[in-house]
Amino acid sequence: MKERKVNKKKLFVREIFRVLYSPFEAFKEIVKKPDVKGPMLILLITVLVTAGAQYISASKTFFENPTPEADSWTESTSLWISNGVLLNDTDRIVGNYSVKSFSSNDTYIWMKLTEIGPFDCSGDSGYRGLSFRIKWIHQNEKPPSSNATLQLFSYEENRYFKYDLSNNITSSSNEWANLTANVGPGQGWVSVNSPDWKNITGLEFRLAWLPSDAANLTMKIDDLYFGEYVSPLASGFFTGWLVSSLMGSATDFIVRWILYAGLLLLTIKIFGGETGSWSALFNVVGYVFAVTMVYIAIDALLINMLSSLSFPLKAWSPVAGEEEIGLALWNQIIQDNWGTTLVYNLRYYLPFTVHAWTAALGTIALHFAREFTWKKAAAISVMAYIMLILLKALIPI
């Protein structure tokens, strides 16, 4: 008795894989005793393969994490000093406020943030960028005519790195500029008094005009943070992502299984054929989706062959109102890094191959399950599968 049970288990496990390399022989056996255990095992394997694929995908992506979080540096003037009058301002991009400095009848204005960090900006493993929004207002709408600089202090204010912002800030008064300055060695910073990239402890924004352009000046800063790129595998983010992916994979498998079986029955009726037992057909059709686990595995293998991607905060978590900009940046990063590679372009054609393979297996399953001619089985399978694709487009999972 036990031996017979073991043989049955071996049978449906064997048929799962025979569907992929010898489908004619496999479905000849499957239709004799259609069992739901086979498709359920395929579902389990699909979920397990999905877990591996998500791990590979996560290992290839790095997301920028901001420090500080919640825009805390520009929610209050208490952290800042300036040559002008400091105020909280409701003209902001994120949070509730930006920080503003106003200086009357002057030729320069600066805002300084000290006693932060220290931040290690010495290499790829540390902080790689300083992002911020900056706006200047000149009484006569003249852009900074002397200089525009960003300084990063190291230990002391007389030891700093200096970066020229002249070509980055807007040329028009009272407009926000959305900037990211890459930090670290080789990024175009000028060092003064031997500062250390491993210990950044403060920063300063400075705008200056020629003496002939003296006027009332305003500078505003918002959305200020250092960015560190972190793999999802090194954060709690991956767990939620993985659980969501596994649930989505299982749900998608079951929905496609049910829909395809139902659409096959509907199409059989349209063709005037005998529908027979729905449960038997349902079990047989489940084996068709063994293709899914192969598709996920191949796609994961292709992803593993690609280079890693780094997504800035502006791309993966844009501020309200800038979602389209974030999506465009996300797509640009993928296109710039992967778009011209053969492996990435193979991924584009892979789903079409899987669709054709699935419809072909559906044809074989119908031929043996309902004894239709090959021509009739192919017509029913393809029509049902096209309807499945259209329905799935309306019911995204």
Protein backbone atom coordinates (compact mmCIF):
# COMPACT_ATOMS: atom_id res chain seq x y z
CA MET A 1 0.00 0.00 0.00
CA LYS A 2 2.75 2.42 0.98
CA GLU A 3 4.65 1.47 -2.15
CA ARG A 4 1.64 2.36 -4.32
CA LYS A 5 1.36 5.78 -2.65
CA VAL A 6 5.05 6.43 -3.23
CA ASN A 7 4.66 5.46 -6.88
CA LYS A 8 1.73 7.86 -7.28
CA LYS A 9 3.77 10.68 -5.79
CA LYS A 10 6.66 9.90 -8.10
CA LEU A 11 4.24 9.82 -11.03
CA PHE A 12 2.80 13.31 -10.67
CA VAL A 13 6.19 14.79 -9.79
CA ARG A 14 7.67 13.19 -12.89
CA GLU A 15 4.81 14.41 -15.09
CA ILE A 16 5.37 18.00 -13.94
CA PHE A 17 8.81 18.05 -15.49
CA ARG A 18 7.88 15.82 -18.42
CA VAL A 19 5.35 18.49 -19.42
CA LEU A 20 8.33 20.73 -20.17
CA TYR A 21 10.54 18.37 -22.17
CA SER A 22 8.13 15.66 -23.39
CA PRO A 23 4.60 17.14 -23.25
CA PHE A 24 2.95 14.57 -25.54
CA GLU A 25 3.93 11.64 -23.35
CA ALA A 26 3.23 13.62 -20.18
CA PHE A 27 -0.35 14.61 -21.05
CA LYS A 28 -1.14 11.10 -22.28
CA GLU A 29 -0.54 9.96 -18.70
CA ILE A 30 -1.99 13.01 -16.94
CA VAL A 31 -5.43 12.77 -18.60
CA LYS A 32 -5.82 9.18 -17.39
CA LYS A 33 -5.90 10.27 -13.74
CA PRO A 34 -5.93 14.07 -13.53
CA ASP A 35 -4.87 15.07 -10.03
CA VAL A 36 -4.83 18.53 -8.50
CA LYS A 37 -1.68 17.63 -6.54
CA GLY A 38 0.48 18.14 -9.61
CA PRO A 39 -0.61 21.73 -10.32
CA MET A 40 -0.44 22.53 -6.60
CA LEU A 41 3.17 21.34 -6.54
CA ILE A 42 3.83 23.51 -9.61
CA LEU A 43 2.34 26.44 -7.68
CA LEU A 44 4.63 25.73 -4.73
CA ILE A 45 7.71 25.49 -6.95
CA THR A 46 6.67 28.72 -8.71
CA VAL A 47 6.48 30.53 -5.38
CA LEU A 48 9.88 29.18 -4.33
CA VAL A 49 11.44 30.20 -7.65
CA THR A 50 9.84 33.63 -7.24
CA ALA A 51 11.55 33.97 -3.85
CA GLY A 52 14.92 33.25 -5.46
CA ALA A 53 14.19 35.64 -8.31
CA GLN A 54 13.28 38.43 -5.89
CA TYR A 55 16.51 37.85 -3.98
CA ILE A 56 18.51 38.17 -7.20
CA SER A 57 16.56 41.27 -8.22
CA ALA A 58 17.12 42.86 -4.81
CA SER A 59 20.85 42.13 -5.01
CA LYS A 60 20.98 44.13 -8.25
CA THR A 61 19.28 47.27 -6.93
CA PHE A 62 20.35 49.95 -4.50
CA PHE A 63 18.02 52.64 -3.20
CA GLU A 64 19.06 56.00 -1.83
CA ASN A 65 18.16 56.47 1.83
CA PRO A 66 18.09 60.06 3.10
CA THR A 67 19.71 61.40 6.25
CA PRO A 68 17.99 63.00 7.99
CA GLU A 69 14.54 61.60 7.39
CA ALA A 70 11.34 63.67 7.40
CA ASP A 71 13.12 66.80 6.13
CA SER A 72 14.07 67.72 9.70
CA TRP A 73 16.96 70.03 8.73
CA THR A 74 14.67 72.51 6.98
CA GLU A 75 11.62 72.37 9.24
CA SER A 76 13.12 74.84 11.74
CA THR A 77 15.64 77.69 11.74
CA SER A 78 16.99 76.56 15.12
CA LEU A 79 19.81 74.59 13.47
CA TRP A 80 20.92 77.40 11.17
CA ILE A 81 22.94 80.60 11.31
CA SER A 82 23.10 83.31 8.65
CA ASN A 83 24.21 86.84 7.90
CA GLY A 84 20.55 87.68 7.37
CA VAL A 85 17.30 87.28 9.28
CA LEU A 86 16.29 83.62 9.53
CA LEU A 87 12.64 82.64 9.18
CA ASN A 88 10.51 79.56 8.69
CA ASP A 89 8.71 79.89 5.37
CA THR A 90 5.61 78.12 4.05
CA ASP A 91 6.98 78.31 0.52
CA ARG A 92 8.24 74.72 0.55
CA ILE A 93 8.63 71.55 -1.50
CA VAL A 94 8.36 68.94 1.27
CA GLY A 95 7.31 69.03 4.91
CA ASN A 96 5.67 72.12 6.36
CA TYR A 97 8.40 74.71 5.94
CA SER A 98 11.56 75.73 4.16
CA VAL A 99 14.24 77.80 5.91
CA LYS A 100 14.69 81.36 4.65
CA SER A 101 17.25 84.10 5.17
CA PHE A 102 16.69 87.75 4.26
CA SER A 103 19.39 90.41 4.05
CA SER A 104 18.61 94.03 3.12
CA ASN A 105 20.73 96.15 0.78
CA ASP A 106 23.55 93.61 0.64
CA THR A 107 25.83 91.96 -1.92
CA TYR A 108 25.91 88.47 -0.44
CA ILE A 109 23.85 86.09 1.63
CA TRP A 110 24.84 82.85 3.33
CA MET A 111 23.16 80.14 5.38
CA LYS A 112 25.14 77.70 7.49
CA LEU A 113 24.28 74.38 9.16
CA THR A 114 26.82 73.04 11.65
CA GLU A 115 27.19 70.33 14.28
CA ILE A 116 25.82 67.55 12.10
CA GLY A 117 27.18 64.10 11.34
CA PRO A 118 29.92 63.23 11.04
CA PHE A 119 29.13 61.88 7.57
CA ASP A 120 31.46 59.50 5.77
CA CYS A 121 31.51 60.58 2.12
CA SER A 122 34.80 58.92 1.24
CA GLY A 123 33.58 56.20 -1.12
CA ASP A 124 30.75 54.15 -2.62
CA SER A 125 30.01 52.48 0.71
CA GLY A 126 29.24 55.82 2.37
CA TYR A 127 27.17 58.86 1.46
CA ARG A 128 27.38 59.65 -2.24
CA GLY A 129 25.31 62.80 -2.68
CA LEU A 130 23.91 65.91 -1.04
CA SER A 131 20.46 66.79 -2.37
CA PHE A 132 18.64 70.05 -1.79
CA ARG A 133 16.24 72.63 -3.18
CA ILE A 134 17.50 76.19 -3.34
CA LYS A 135 15.76 79.42 -4.31
CA TRP A 136 17.21 82.93 -4.52
CA ILE A 137 15.35 86.23 -4.76
CA HIS A 138 17.05 89.46 -5.82
CA GLN A 139 15.16 92.73 -5.51
CA ASN A 140 15.98 93.53 -9.15
CA GLU A 141 15.84 89.88 -10.29
CA LYS A 142 19.55 89.72 -11.09
CA PRO A 143 21.23 86.30 -10.73
CA PRO A 144 24.29 85.95 -8.47
CA SER A 145 26.94 87.85 -10.42
CA SER A 146 29.97 87.12 -8.23
CA ASN A 147 29.70 83.48 -7.13
CA ALA A 148 27.43 80.73 -5.86
CA THR A 149 29.06 78.06 -3.73
CA LEU A 150 28.34 75.12 -1.47
CA GLN A 151 30.83 74.30 1.26
CA LEU A 152 31.14 71.13 3.31
CA PHE A 153 32.99 71.56 6.60
CA SER A 154 35.28 68.90 8.04
CA TYR A 155 35.75 69.26 11.82
CA GLU A 156 36.27 73.03 11.62
CA GLU A 157 34.81 75.78 9.45
CA ASN A 158 38.23 76.72 8.07
CA ARG A 159 38.66 73.17 6.73
CA TYR A 160 36.20 72.57 3.94
CA PHE A 161 35.41 71.34 0.47
CA LYS A 162 34.00 73.95 -1.92
CA TYR A 163 31.68 73.30 -4.87
CA ASP A 164 30.69 75.81 -7.55
CA LEU A 165 26.91 76.09 -7.96
CA SER A 166 26.97 78.90 -10.54
CA ASN A 167 25.96 76.64 -13.43
CA ASN A 168 23.37 74.72 -11.40
CA ILE A 169 21.12 77.26 -9.71
CA THR A 170 18.31 78.80 -11.72
CA SER A 171 19.01 81.93 -13.74
CA SER A 172 15.63 83.39 -12.77
CA SER A 173 14.72 84.92 -9.44
CA ASN A 174 12.17 83.23 -7.17
CA GLU A 175 12.39 79.75 -8.75
CA TRP A 176 13.27 76.51 -6.97
CA ALA A 177 16.25 74.55 -8.26
CA ASN A 178 16.31 70.80 -7.57
CA LEU A 179 19.96 69.83 -7.20
CA THR A 180 22.15 66.92 -6.15
CA ALA A 181 25.87 67.46 -5.65
CA ASN A 182 27.88 64.24 -5.85
CA VAL A 183 30.23 64.07 -2.88
CA GLY A 184 33.54 62.32 -2.37
CA PRO A 185 36.93 62.22 -4.07
CA GLY A 186 37.01 63.03 -7.77
CA GLN A 187 33.66 64.85 -7.86
CA GLY A 188 34.92 68.35 -8.66
CA TRP A 189 35.25 69.76 -5.15
CA VAL A 190 38.08 72.13 -4.20
CA SER A 191 39.68 71.33 -0.83
CA VAL A 192 40.83 74.05 1.57
CA ASN A 193 43.09 73.30 4.57
CA SER A 194 43.10 69.51 4.18
CA PRO A 195 39.50 68.50 4.97
CA ASP A 196 38.58 64.82 5.34
CA TRP A 197 35.78 63.20 3.33
CA LYS A 198 35.28 60.70 6.14
CA ASN A 199 34.22 63.43 8.54
CA ILE A 200 31.78 65.99 7.16
CA THR A 201 30.31 67.97 10.05
CA GLY A 202 28.61 71.00 8.50
CA LEU A 203 27.64 72.85 5.34
CA GLU A 204 27.11 76.34 3.99
CA PHE A 205 25.29 77.88 1.03
CA ARG A 206 26.66 81.22 -0.17
CA LEU A 207 25.44 83.51 -2.96
CA ALA A 208 27.22 86.74 -3.91
CA TRP A 209 26.63 89.69 -6.25
CA LEU A 210 28.88 92.43 -7.54
CA PRO A 211 28.88 95.71 -5.53
CA SER A 212 26.88 97.36 -8.30
CA ASP A 213 24.11 94.77 -7.81
CA ALA A 214 23.56 95.38 -4.08
CA ALA A 215 19.88 94.88 -3.17
CA ASN A 216 17.50 93.11 -0.83
CA LEU A 217 18.40 89.42 -0.98
CA THR A 218 16.58 86.23 0.01
CA MET A 219 17.72 82.61 0.00
CA LYS A 220 15.54 79.58 0.77
CA ILE A 221 16.62 75.97 1.36
CA ASP A 222 14.40 72.88 1.50
CA ASP A 223 14.48 69.09 1.05
CA LEU A 224 18.08 68.90 2.28
CA TYR A 225 19.67 65.50 2.92
CA PHE A 226 22.73 63.32 2.44
CA GLY A 227 22.01 60.21 0.39
CA GLU A 228 23.39 56.73 1.09
CA TYR A 229 22.65 53.86 -1.30
CA VAL A 230 21.52 50.69 0.44
CA SER A 231 20.55 47.27 -0.89
CA PRO A 232 17.03 46.10 0.04
CA LEU A 233 18.73 42.96 1.38
CA ALA A 234 20.36 45.07 4.09
CA SER A 235 17.14 46.69 5.22
CA GLY A 236 13.73 45.69 6.53
CA PHE A 237 12.31 46.80 3.20
CA PHE A 238 13.14 43.47 1.55
CA THR A 239 10.95 41.36 3.86
CA GLY A 240 7.81 43.29 2.99
CA TRP A 241 8.77 43.33 -0.67
CA LEU A 242 9.35 39.56 -0.66
CA VAL A 243 6.08 38.71 1.10
CA SER A 244 4.15 40.95 -1.29
CA SER A 245 5.88 39.37 -4.30
CA LEU A 246 5.18 35.81 -3.14
CA MET A 247 1.53 36.57 -2.47
CA GLY A 248 1.26 38.26 -5.85
CA SER A 249 2.92 35.33 -7.60
CA ALA A 250 0.62 32.77 -5.97
CA THR A 251 -2.48 34.85 -6.64
CA ASP A 252 -1.51 35.45 -10.26
CA PHE A 253 -0.90 31.73 -10.80
CA ILE A 254 -4.28 30.73 -9.35
CA VAL A 255 -6.20 33.45 -11.21
CA ARG A 256 -4.64 32.50 -14.56
CA TRP A 257 -5.28 28.82 -13.88
CA ILE A 258 -8.97 29.38 -13.09
CA LEU A 259 -9.51 31.85 -15.92
CA TYR A 260 -7.79 29.72 -18.54
CA ALA A 261 -9.73 26.60 -17.57
CA GLY A 262 -13.00 28.55 -17.60
CA LEU A 263 -12.21 30.21 -20.93
CA LEU A 264 -11.31 26.85 -22.45
CA LEU A 265 -14.73 25.50 -21.45
CA LEU A 266 -16.42 28.59 -22.87
CA THR A 267 -14.50 28.30 -26.14
CA ILE A 268 -15.27 24.58 -26.38
CA LYS A 269 -18.97 25.44 -26.15
CA ILE A 270 -18.55 28.12 -28.83
CA PHE A 271 -17.00 25.47 -31.09
CA GLY A 272 -19.89 23.13 -30.29
CA GLY A 273 -17.79 20.52 -28.50
CA GLU A 274 -18.54 18.43 -25.43
CA THR A 275 -17.22 20.20 -22.34
CA GLY A 276 -17.04 17.11 -20.15
CA SER A 277 -15.95 17.33 -16.52
CA TRP A 278 -14.79 20.84 -15.55
CA SER A 279 -12.81 19.58 -12.55
CA ALA A 280 -10.90 17.08 -14.68
CA LEU A 281 -10.07 19.73 -17.27
CA PHE A 282 -9.14 22.16 -14.50
CA ASN A 283 -6.62 19.68 -13.08
CA VAL A 284 -5.14 18.90 -16.50
CA VAL A 285 -4.84 22.58 -17.45
CA GLY A 286 -2.96 23.29 -14.23
CA TYR A 287 0.03 21.36 -15.57
CA VAL A 288 0.25 23.82 -18.48
CA PHE A 289 1.47 26.50 -16.09
CA ALA A 290 4.66 24.60 -15.36
CA VAL A 291 5.95 27.05 -17.97
CA THR A 292 5.58 29.82 -15.39
CA MET A 293 8.27 28.47 -13.08
CA VAL A 294 10.65 28.14 -16.04
CA TYR A 295 9.89 31.70 -17.15
CA ILE A 296 10.61 33.13 -13.70
CA ALA A 297 13.83 31.13 -13.40
CA ILE A 298 15.13 32.24 -16.83
CA ASP A 299 14.19 35.86 -16.15
CA ALA A 300 16.06 35.72 -12.82
CA LEU A 301 19.11 34.27 -14.58
CA LEU A 302 19.07 37.12 -17.10
CA ILE A 303 18.75 39.74 -14.36
CA ASN A 304 21.70 38.17 -12.58
CA MET A 305 23.80 38.81 -15.69
CA LEU A 306 23.04 42.55 -15.65
CA SER A 307 24.90 45.30 -13.81
CA SER A 308 23.62 46.78 -10.55
CA LEU A 309 21.33 49.83 -10.55
CA SER A 310 21.26 52.74 -8.10
CA PHE A 311 18.00 54.66 -7.76
CA PRO A 312 18.03 58.08 -6.08
CA LEU A 313 15.25 59.01 -3.68
CA LYS A 314 13.83 61.32 -6.34
CA ALA A 315 13.24 58.29 -8.57
CA TRP A 316 11.84 55.69 -6.17
CA SER A 317 10.06 57.96 -3.67
CA PRO A 318 9.39 61.32 -5.36
CA VAL A 319 7.73 64.16 -3.48
CA ALA A 320 4.04 64.82 -4.09
CA GLY A 321 3.44 66.35 -7.49
CA GLU A 322 6.69 65.04 -8.99
CA GLU A 323 5.64 61.43 -9.62
CA GLU A 324 5.98 61.72 -13.40
CA ILE A 325 9.46 63.21 -13.04
CA GLY A 326 10.41 60.35 -10.71
CA LEU A 327 9.08 57.72 -13.13
CA ALA A 328 10.95 59.32 -16.03
CA LEU A 329 14.16 59.30 -13.97
CA TRP A 330 13.59 55.65 -12.99
CA ASN A 331 13.13 54.63 -16.63
CA GLN A 332 16.13 56.70 -17.71
CA ILE A 333 18.39 54.93 -15.20
CA ILE A 334 17.26 51.53 -16.48
CA GLN A 335 17.66 52.58 -20.10
CA ASP A 336 21.09 54.14 -19.58
CA ASN A 337 22.46 51.08 -17.76
CA TRP A 338 20.59 48.15 -19.29
CA GLY A 339 18.86 49.41 -22.41
CA THR A 340 21.60 48.62 -24.91
CA THR A 341 22.53 45.20 -23.52
CA LEU A 342 21.56 41.98 -25.29
CA VAL A 343 20.48 40.36 -22.03
CA TYR A 344 17.99 43.13 -21.20
CA ASN A 345 16.49 43.04 -24.68
CA LEU A 346 16.12 39.27 -24.46
CA ARG A 347 13.92 39.86 -21.41
CA TYR A 348 11.58 41.86 -23.64
CA TYR A 349 10.94 38.91 -25.94
CA LEU A 350 10.80 36.26 -23.23
CA PRO A 351 7.09 36.78 -22.33
CA PHE A 352 6.06 36.28 -25.98
CA THR A 353 7.91 32.97 -26.02
CA VAL A 354 6.18 31.94 -22.79
CA HIS A 355 2.75 32.88 -24.18
CA ALA A 356 3.33 30.76 -27.28
CA TRP A 357 4.66 27.86 -25.20
CA THR A 358 1.69 27.97 -22.82
CA ALA A 359 -0.85 28.04 -25.67
CA ALA A 360 0.97 25.11 -27.30
CA LEU A 361 0.81 23.07 -24.10
CA GLY A 362 -2.88 23.98 -23.82
CA THR A 363 -3.36 22.56 -27.31
CA ILE A 364 -1.69 19.27 -26.35
CA ALA A 365 -3.69 19.08 -23.11
CA LEU A 366 -6.98 19.61 -24.95
CA HIS A 367 -6.11 17.10 -27.66
CA PHE A 368 -5.62 14.31 -25.15
CA ALA A 369 -8.22 15.41 -22.59
CA ARG A 370 -11.11 15.86 -25.05
CA GLU A 371 -9.81 13.91 -28.07
CA PHE A 372 -10.14 16.95 -30.34
CA THR A 373 -8.30 17.11 -33.63
CA TRP A 374 -5.03 19.02 -33.45
CA LYS A 375 -6.49 21.84 -35.53
CA LYS A 376 -9.55 22.22 -33.32
CA ALA A 377 -7.54 21.92 -30.10
CA ALA A 378 -5.11 24.58 -31.32
CA ALA A 379 -7.91 26.97 -32.29
CA ILE A 380 -9.63 26.57 -28.92
CA SER A 381 -6.42 26.88 -26.92
CA VAL A 382 -5.16 29.96 -28.76
CA MET A 383 -8.53 31.72 -28.64
CA ALA A 384 -8.92 31.01 -24.92
CA TYR A 385 -5.37 32.16 -24.21
CA ILE A 386 -5.84 35.41 -26.12
CA MET A 387 -8.97 36.07 -24.07
CA LEU A 388 -6.95 35.28 -20.93
CA ILE A 389 -4.33 37.89 -21.85
CA LEU A 390 -7.04 40.49 -22.51
CA LEU A 391 -8.80 39.72 -19.23
CA LYS A 392 -5.54 39.85 -17.28
CA ALA A 393 -4.91 43.29 -18.74
CA LEU A 394 -8.23 44.38 -17.20
CA ILE A 395 -7.54 42.59 -13.89
CA PRO A 396 -3.90 43.46 -13.12
CA ILE A 397 -2.34 41.57 -10.21
